[in-house]
Every structure is written in C-alpha cells, then in structure tokens.
Amino acid sequence: MESNSLGQKIKKLRQKLGLSQDDFARKADVPYTTLTKVETGVIKKPSVFVVSKIAKALNVDIEELIK
C-alpha cells in the first residue's frame, strides 16, 4: 500500500457521505484524533479493529478499503 492511500480513501468516502470528521468519528465509534491521524497518514497501519469500524460506518467491506 502506498504512503497514505487508506487515509485518502477513507476521507473521500467520508466526504461523499457528507460527514465531517467529527460526525464520522462518532458514527464509526472511533476517537476523533484516531480518525484524523489515519486520514492524514500519521497512523499508516491502523488496527483491524479500527478499520473494521470505519468500513462499517462507510457501508463498505474492509477489503474495499485496504486494496
């Protein structure tokens, strides 16, 4: 996976849903700071647990996010 393709995908899908980072973090039940760090690439490899929650909130499969 390139430097921050996961974070960019998450951001793009989140924006498509019209959700702010704060609203989306609440919907996904992940800390706001974690979400922002994943989107900006500070956290390059988030845990499967976090990616699972994000994928569920985006209504996509985990495979969709990580491929």
PDB file of N, CA and C in Angstrom:
ATOM      1  N   MET A   1       0.850  -1.185   0.000  1.00  0.00           N
ATOM      2  CA  MET A   1       0.000   0.000   0.000  1.00  0.00           C
ATOM      3  C   MET A   1       0.891   1.244   0.000  1.00  0.00           C
ATOM      4  N   GLU A   2       0.575   2.210  -0.846  1.00  0.00           N
ATOM      5  CA  GLU A   2       1.389   3.421  -0.881  1.00  0.00           C
ATOM      6  C   GLU A   2       1.227   4.233   0.393  1.00  0.00           C
ATOM      7  N   SER A   3       1.947   5.329   0.474  1.00  0.00           N
ATOM      8  CA  SER A   3       2.079   6.059   1.737  1.00  0.00           C
ATOM      9  C   SER A   3       0.776   6.293   2.491  1.00  0.00           C
ATOM     10  N   ASN A   4      -0.243   6.840   1.844  1.00  0.00           N
ATOM     11  CA  ASN A   4      -1.468   7.078   2.610  1.00  0.00           C
ATOM     12  C   ASN A   4      -2.731   6.834   1.787  1.00  0.00           C
ATOM     13  N   SER A   5      -2.720   5.774   0.995  1.00  0.00           N
ATOM     14  CA  SER A   5      -3.906   5.520   0.182  1.00  0.00           C
ATOM     15  C   SER A   5      -5.120   5.156   1.032  1.00  0.00           C
ATOM     16  N   LEU A   6      -4.910   4.460   2.151  1.00  0.00           N
ATOM     17  CA  LEU A   6      -6.031   4.104   3.024  1.00  0.00           C
ATOM     18  C   LEU A   6      -6.697   5.364   3.570  1.00  0.00           C
ATOM     19  N   GLY A   7      -5.906   6.267   4.109  1.00  0.00           N
ATOM     20  CA  GLY A   7      -6.440   7.514   4.655  1.00  0.00           C
ATOM     21  C   GLY A   7      -7.166   8.332   3.605  1.00  0.00           C
ATOM     22  N   GLN A   8      -6.607   8.373   2.397  1.00  0.00           N
ATOM     23  CA  GLN A   8      -7.239   9.134   1.323  1.00  0.00           C
ATOM     24  C   GLN A   8      -8.568   8.517   0.918  1.00  0.00           C
ATOM     25  N   LYS A   9      -8.616   7.189   0.865  1.00  0.00           N
ATOM     26  CA  LYS A   9      -9.875   6.509   0.526  1.00  0.00           C
ATOM     27  C   LYS A   9     -10.942   6.795   1.574  1.00  0.00           C
ATOM     28  N   ILE A  10     -10.539   6.692   2.842  1.00  0.00           N
ATOM     29  CA  ILE A  10     -11.486   6.941   3.933  1.00  0.00           C
ATOM     30  C   ILE A  10     -12.027   8.364   3.844  1.00  0.00           C
ATOM     31  N   LYS A  11     -11.128   9.312   3.633  1.00  0.00           N
ATOM     32  CA  LYS A  11     -11.540  10.718   3.543  1.00  0.00           C
ATOM     33  C   LYS A  11     -12.507  10.937   2.387  1.00  0.00           C
ATOM     34  N   LYS A  12     -12.180  10.360   1.230  1.00  0.00           N
ATOM     35  CA  LYS A  12     -13.024  10.533   0.048  1.00  0.00           C
ATOM     36  C   LYS A  12     -14.413   9.944   0.283  1.00  0.00           C
ATOM     37  N   LEU A  13     -14.464   8.737   0.843  1.00  0.00           N
ATOM     38  CA  LEU A  13     -15.758   8.103   1.104  1.00  0.00           C
ATOM     39  C   LEU A  13     -16.544   8.856   2.171  1.00  0.00           C
ATOM     40  N   ARG A  14     -15.836   9.346   3.189  1.00  0.00           N
ATOM     41  CA  ARG A  14     -16.493  10.118   4.257  1.00  0.00           C
ATOM     42  C   ARG A  14     -17.108  11.386   3.671  1.00  0.00           C
ATOM     43  N   GLN A  15     -16.353  12.072   2.818  1.00  0.00           N
ATOM     44  CA  GLN A  15     -16.855  13.314   2.220  1.00  0.00           C
ATOM     45  C   GLN A  15     -18.031  13.040   1.291  1.00  0.00           C
ATOM     46  N   LYS A  16     -17.994  11.887   0.623  1.00  0.00           N
ATOM     47  CA  LYS A  16     -19.103  11.514  -0.250  1.00  0.00           C
ATOM     48  C   LYS A  16     -20.394  11.363   0.551  1.00  0.00           C
ATOM     49  N   LEU A  17     -20.257  10.914   1.804  1.00  0.00           N
ATOM     50  CA  LEU A  17     -21.415  10.783   2.687  1.00  0.00           C
ATOM     51  C   LEU A  17     -21.817  12.127   3.296  1.00  0.00           C
ATOM     52  N   GLY A  18     -21.008  13.156   3.057  1.00  0.00           N
ATOM     53  CA  GLY A  18     -21.311  14.485   3.571  1.00  0.00           C
ATOM     54  C   GLY A  18     -21.081  14.623   5.060  1.00  0.00           C
ATOM     55  N   LEU A  19     -20.178  13.813   5.610  1.00  0.00           N
ATOM     56  CA  LEU A  19     -19.937  13.848   7.058  1.00  0.00           C
ATOM     57  C   LEU A  19     -18.628  14.562   7.394  1.00  0.00           C
ATOM     58  N   SER A  20     -18.668  15.361   8.438  1.00  0.00           N
ATOM     59  CA  SER A  20     -17.431  15.971   8.939  1.00  0.00           C
ATOM     60  C   SER A  20     -16.627  14.887   9.648  1.00  0.00           C
ATOM     61  N   GLN A  21     -15.362  15.169   9.921  1.00  0.00           N
ATOM     62  CA  GLN A  21     -14.539  14.202  10.644  1.00  0.00           C
ATOM     63  C   GLN A  21     -15.159  13.908  12.007  1.00  0.00           C
ATOM     64  N   ASP A  22     -15.632  14.936  12.668  1.00  0.00           N
ATOM     65  CA  ASP A  22     -16.215  14.761  13.995  1.00  0.00           C
ATOM     66  C   ASP A  22     -17.458  13.876  13.942  1.00  0.00           C
ATOM     67  N   ASP A  23     -18.368  14.176  13.019  1.00  0.00           N
ATOM     68  CA  ASP A  23     -19.591  13.380  12.886  1.00  0.00           C
ATOM     69  C   ASP A  23     -19.267  11.936  12.522  1.00  0.00           C
ATOM     70  N   PHE A  24     -18.320  11.780  11.612  1.00  0.00           N
ATOM     71  CA  PHE A  24     -17.976  10.426  11.173  1.00  0.00           C
ATOM     72  C   PHE A  24     -17.298   9.625  12.283  1.00  0.00           C
ATOM     73  N   ALA A  25     -16.435  10.273  13.045  1.00  0.00           N
ATOM     74  CA  ALA A  25     -15.762   9.589  14.160  1.00  0.00           C
ATOM     75  C   ALA A  25     -16.808   9.055  15.144  1.00  0.00           C
ATOM     76  N   ARG A  26     -17.830   9.860  15.407  1.00  0.00           N
ATOM     77  CA  ARG A  26     -18.906   9.410  16.309  1.00  0.00           C
ATOM     78  C   ARG A  26     -19.667   8.242  15.704  1.00  0.00           C
ATOM     79  N   LYS A  27     -19.988   8.351  14.412  1.00  0.00           N
ATOM     80  CA  LYS A  27     -20.734   7.285  13.735  1.00  0.00           C
ATOM     81  C   LYS A  27     -19.937   5.980  13.734  1.00  0.00           C
ATOM     82  N   ALA A  28     -18.630   6.085  13.512  1.00  0.00           N
ATOM     83  CA  ALA A  28     -17.779   4.895  13.446  1.00  0.00           C
ATOM     84  C   ALA A  28     -17.371   4.409  14.833  1.00  0.00           C
ATOM     85  N   ASP A  29     -17.633   5.219  15.841  1.00  0.00           N
ATOM     86  CA  ASP A  29     -17.254   4.889  17.217  1.00  0.00           C
ATOM     87  C   ASP A  29     -15.740   4.716  17.358  1.00  0.00           C
ATOM     88  N   VAL A  30     -15.015   5.635  16.720  1.00  0.00           N
ATOM     89  CA  VAL A  30     -13.562   5.688  16.899  1.00  0.00           C
ATOM     90  C   VAL A  30     -13.211   7.088  17.391  1.00  0.00           C
ATOM     91  N   PRO A  31     -12.127   7.216  18.145  1.00  0.00           N
ATOM     92  CA  PRO A  31     -11.753   8.555  18.616  1.00  0.00           C
ATOM     93  C   PRO A  31     -11.484   9.502  17.440  1.00  0.00           C
ATOM     94  N   TYR A  32     -11.923  10.742  17.589  1.00  0.00           N
ATOM     95  CA  TYR A  32     -11.714  11.768  16.551  1.00  0.00           C
ATOM     96  C   TYR A  32     -10.238  11.866  16.182  1.00  0.00           C
ATOM     97  N   THR A  33      -9.369  11.862  17.188  1.00  0.00           N
ATOM     98  CA  THR A  33      -7.931  12.005  16.915  1.00  0.00           C
ATOM     99  C   THR A  33      -7.410  10.825  16.107  1.00  0.00           C
ATOM    100  N   THR A  34      -7.923   9.645  16.365  1.00  0.00           N
ATOM    101  CA  THR A  34      -7.508   8.467  15.593  1.00  0.00           C
ATOM    102  C   THR A  34      -7.915   8.627  14.135  1.00  0.00           C
ATOM    103  N   LEU A  35      -9.156   9.039  13.915  1.00  0.00           N
ATOM    104  CA  LEU A  35      -9.638   9.226  12.543  1.00  0.00           C
ATOM    105  C   LEU A  35      -8.787  10.251  11.803  1.00  0.00           C
ATOM    106  N   THR A  36      -8.513  11.383  12.418  1.00  0.00           N
ATOM    107  CA  THR A  36      -7.730  12.413  11.728  1.00  0.00           C
ATOM    108  C   THR A  36      -6.309  11.916  11.442  1.00  0.00           C
ATOM    109  N   LYS A  37      -5.743  11.163  12.357  1.00  0.00           N
ATOM    110  CA  LYS A  37      -4.390  10.637  12.138  1.00  0.00           C
ATOM    111  C   LYS A  37      -4.359   9.596  11.023  1.00  0.00           C
ATOM    112  N   VAL A  38      -5.409   8.792  10.920  1.00  0.00           N
ATOM    113  CA  VAL A  38      -5.480   7.811   9.829  1.00  0.00           C
ATOM    114  C   VAL A  38      -5.635   8.545   8.492  1.00  0.00           C
ATOM    115  N   GLU A  39      -6.538   9.526   8.445  1.00  0.00           N
ATOM    116  CA  GLU A  39      -6.779  10.264   7.202  1.00  0.00           C
ATOM    117  C   GLU A  39      -5.551  11.030   6.734  1.00  0.00           C
ATOM    118  N   THR A  40      -4.774  11.558   7.669  1.00  0.00           N
ATOM    119  CA  THR A  40      -3.605  12.353   7.279  1.00  0.00           C
ATOM    120  C   THR A  40      -2.334  11.524   7.140  1.00  0.00           C
ATOM    121  N   GLY A  41      -2.415  10.241   7.482  1.00  0.00           N
ATOM    122  CA  GLY A  41      -1.257   9.377   7.300  1.00  0.00           C
ATOM    123  C   GLY A  41      -0.309   9.317   8.486  1.00  0.00           C
ATOM    124  N   VAL A  42      -0.670   9.955   9.605  1.00  0.00           N
ATOM    125  CA  VAL A  42       0.160   9.871  10.804  1.00  0.00           C
ATOM    126  C   VAL A  42       0.140   8.422  11.298  1.00  0.00           C
ATOM    127  N   ILE A  43      -1.044   7.818  11.276  1.00  0.00           N
ATOM    128  CA  ILE A  43      -1.157   6.388  11.566  1.00  0.00           C
ATOM    129  C   ILE A  43      -1.256   5.690  10.207  1.00  0.00           C
ATOM    130  N   LYS A  44      -0.180   5.028   9.809  1.00  0.00           N
ATOM    131  CA  LYS A  44      -0.155   4.400   8.485  1.00  0.00           C
ATOM    132  C   LYS A  44      -0.825   3.029   8.473  1.00  0.00           C
ATOM    133  N   LYS A  45      -0.750   2.332   9.599  1.00  0.00           N
ATOM    134  CA  LYS A  45      -1.350   0.994   9.656  1.00  0.00           C
ATOM    135  C   LYS A  45      -2.256   0.887  10.881  1.00  0.00           C
ATOM    136  N   PRO A  46      -3.480   1.399  10.757  1.00  0.00           N
ATOM    137  CA  PRO A  46      -4.406   1.300  11.897  1.00  0.00           C
ATOM    138  C   PRO A  46      -4.771  -0.154  12.165  1.00  0.00           C
ATOM    139  N   SER A  47      -5.206  -0.427  13.362  1.00  0.00           N
ATOM    140  CA  SER A  47      -5.575  -1.801  13.717  1.00  0.00           C
ATOM    141  C   SER A  47      -6.779  -2.267  12.892  1.00  0.00           C
ATOM    142  N   VAL A  48      -6.887  -3.564  12.762  1.00  0.00           N
ATOM    143  CA  VAL A  48      -8.010  -4.155  12.040  1.00  0.00           C
ATOM    144  C   VAL A  48      -9.319  -3.743  12.704  1.00  0.00           C
ATOM    145  N   PHE A  49      -9.298  -3.622  14.022  1.00  0.00           N
ATOM    146  CA  PHE A  49     -10.477  -3.221  14.781  1.00  0.00           C
ATOM    147  C   PHE A  49     -10.964  -1.838  14.332  1.00  0.00           C
ATOM    148  N   VAL A  50     -10.038  -0.896  14.214  1.00  0.00           N
ATOM    149  CA  VAL A  50     -10.378   0.472  13.796  1.00  0.00           C
ATOM    150  C   VAL A  50     -10.848   0.476  12.341  1.00  0.00           C
ATOM    151  N   VAL A  51     -10.124  -0.211  11.467  1.00  0.00           N
ATOM    152  CA  VAL A  51     -10.501  -0.254  10.043  1.00  0.00           C
ATOM    153  C   VAL A  51     -11.873  -0.905   9.883  1.00  0.00           C
ATOM    154  N   SER A  52     -12.146  -1.912  10.679  1.00  0.00           N
ATOM    155  CA  SER A  52     -13.447  -2.582  10.628  1.00  0.00           C
ATOM    156  C   SER A  52     -14.578  -1.616  10.983  1.00  0.00           C
ATOM    157  N   LYS A  53     -14.396  -0.847  12.047  1.00  0.00           N
ATOM    158  CA  LYS A  53     -15.424   0.121  12.460  1.00  0.00           C
ATOM    159  C   LYS A  53     -15.624   1.192  11.389  1.00  0.00           C
ATOM    160  N   ILE A  54     -14.517   1.664  10.808  1.00  0.00           N
ATOM    161  CA  ILE A  54     -14.596   2.690   9.767  1.00  0.00           C
ATOM    162  C   ILE A  54     -15.314   2.140   8.542  1.00  0.00           C
ATOM    163  N   ALA A  55     -14.954   0.925   8.128  1.00  0.00           N
ATOM    164  CA  ALA A  55     -15.588   0.309   6.958  1.00  0.00           C
ATOM    165  C   ALA A  55     -17.093   0.146   7.175  1.00  0.00           C
ATOM    166  N   LYS A  56     -17.463  -0.300   8.358  1.00  0.00           N
ATOM    167  CA  LYS A  56     -18.879  -0.497   8.668  1.00  0.00           C
ATOM    168  C   LYS A  56     -19.634   0.834   8.588  1.00  0.00           C
ATOM    169  N   ALA A  57     -19.048   1.888   9.132  1.00  0.00           N
ATOM    170  CA  ALA A  57     -19.697   3.201   9.105  1.00  0.00           C
ATOM    171  C   ALA A  57     -19.794   3.763   7.688  1.00  0.00           C
ATOM    172  N   LEU A  58     -18.859   3.348   6.820  1.00  0.00           N
ATOM    173  CA  LEU A  58     -18.885   3.800   5.424  1.00  0.00           C
ATOM    174  C   LEU A  58     -19.751   2.897   4.544  1.00  0.00           C
ATOM    175  N   ASN A  59     -20.243   1.801   5.129  1.00  0.00           N
ATOM    176  CA  ASN A  59     -21.015   0.807   4.379  1.00  0.00           C
ATOM    177  C   ASN A  59     -20.227   0.177   3.248  1.00  0.00           C
ATOM    178  N   VAL A  60     -18.952  -0.120   3.516  1.00  0.00           N
ATOM    179  CA  VAL A  60     -18.117  -0.826   2.537  1.00  0.00           C
ATOM    180  C   VAL A  60     -17.431  -1.995   3.246  1.00  0.00           C
ATOM    181  N   ASP A  61     -16.971  -2.959   2.450  1.00  0.00           N
ATOM    182  CA  ASP A  61     -16.208  -4.079   3.007  1.00  0.00           C
ATOM    183  C   ASP A  61     -14.809  -3.609   3.359  1.00  0.00           C
ATOM    184  N   ILE A  62     -14.218  -4.255   4.358  1.00  0.00           N
ATOM    185  CA  ILE A  62     -12.828  -3.925   4.725  1.00  0.00           C
ATOM    186  C   ILE A  62     -11.919  -4.085   3.500  1.00  0.00           C
ATOM    187  N   GLU A  63     -12.154  -5.153   2.725  1.00  0.00           N
ATOM    188  CA  GLU A  63     -11.329  -5.401   1.531  1.00  0.00           C
ATOM    189  C   GLU A  63     -11.342  -4.200   0.592  1.00  0.00           C
ATOM    190  N   GLU A  64     -12.491  -3.552   0.496  1.00  0.00           N
ATOM    191  CA  GLU A  64     -12.635  -2.380  -0.372  1.00  0.00           C
ATOM    192  C   GLU A  64     -11.685  -1.262   0.056  1.00  0.00           C
ATOM    193  N   LEU A  65     -11.531  -1.086   1.360  1.00  0.00           N
ATOM    194  CA  LEU A  65     -10.670  -0.027   1.875  1.00  0.00           C
ATOM    195  C   LEU A  65      -9.192  -0.345   1.713  1.00  0.00           C
ATOM    196  N   ILE A  66      -8.827  -1.607   1.947  1.00  0.00           N
ATOM    197  CA  ILE A  66      -7.400  -1.919   2.015  1.00  0.00           C
ATOM    198  C   ILE A  66      -6.788  -2.374   0.693  1.00  0.00           C
ATOM    199  N   LYS A  67      -7.598  -2.550  -0.339  1.00  0.00           N
ATOM    200  CA  LYS A  67      -6.992  -2.990  -1.605  1.00  0.00           C
ATOM    201  C   LYS A  67      -6.409  -1.842  -2.376  1.00  0.00           C
TER     202      LYS A  67
END
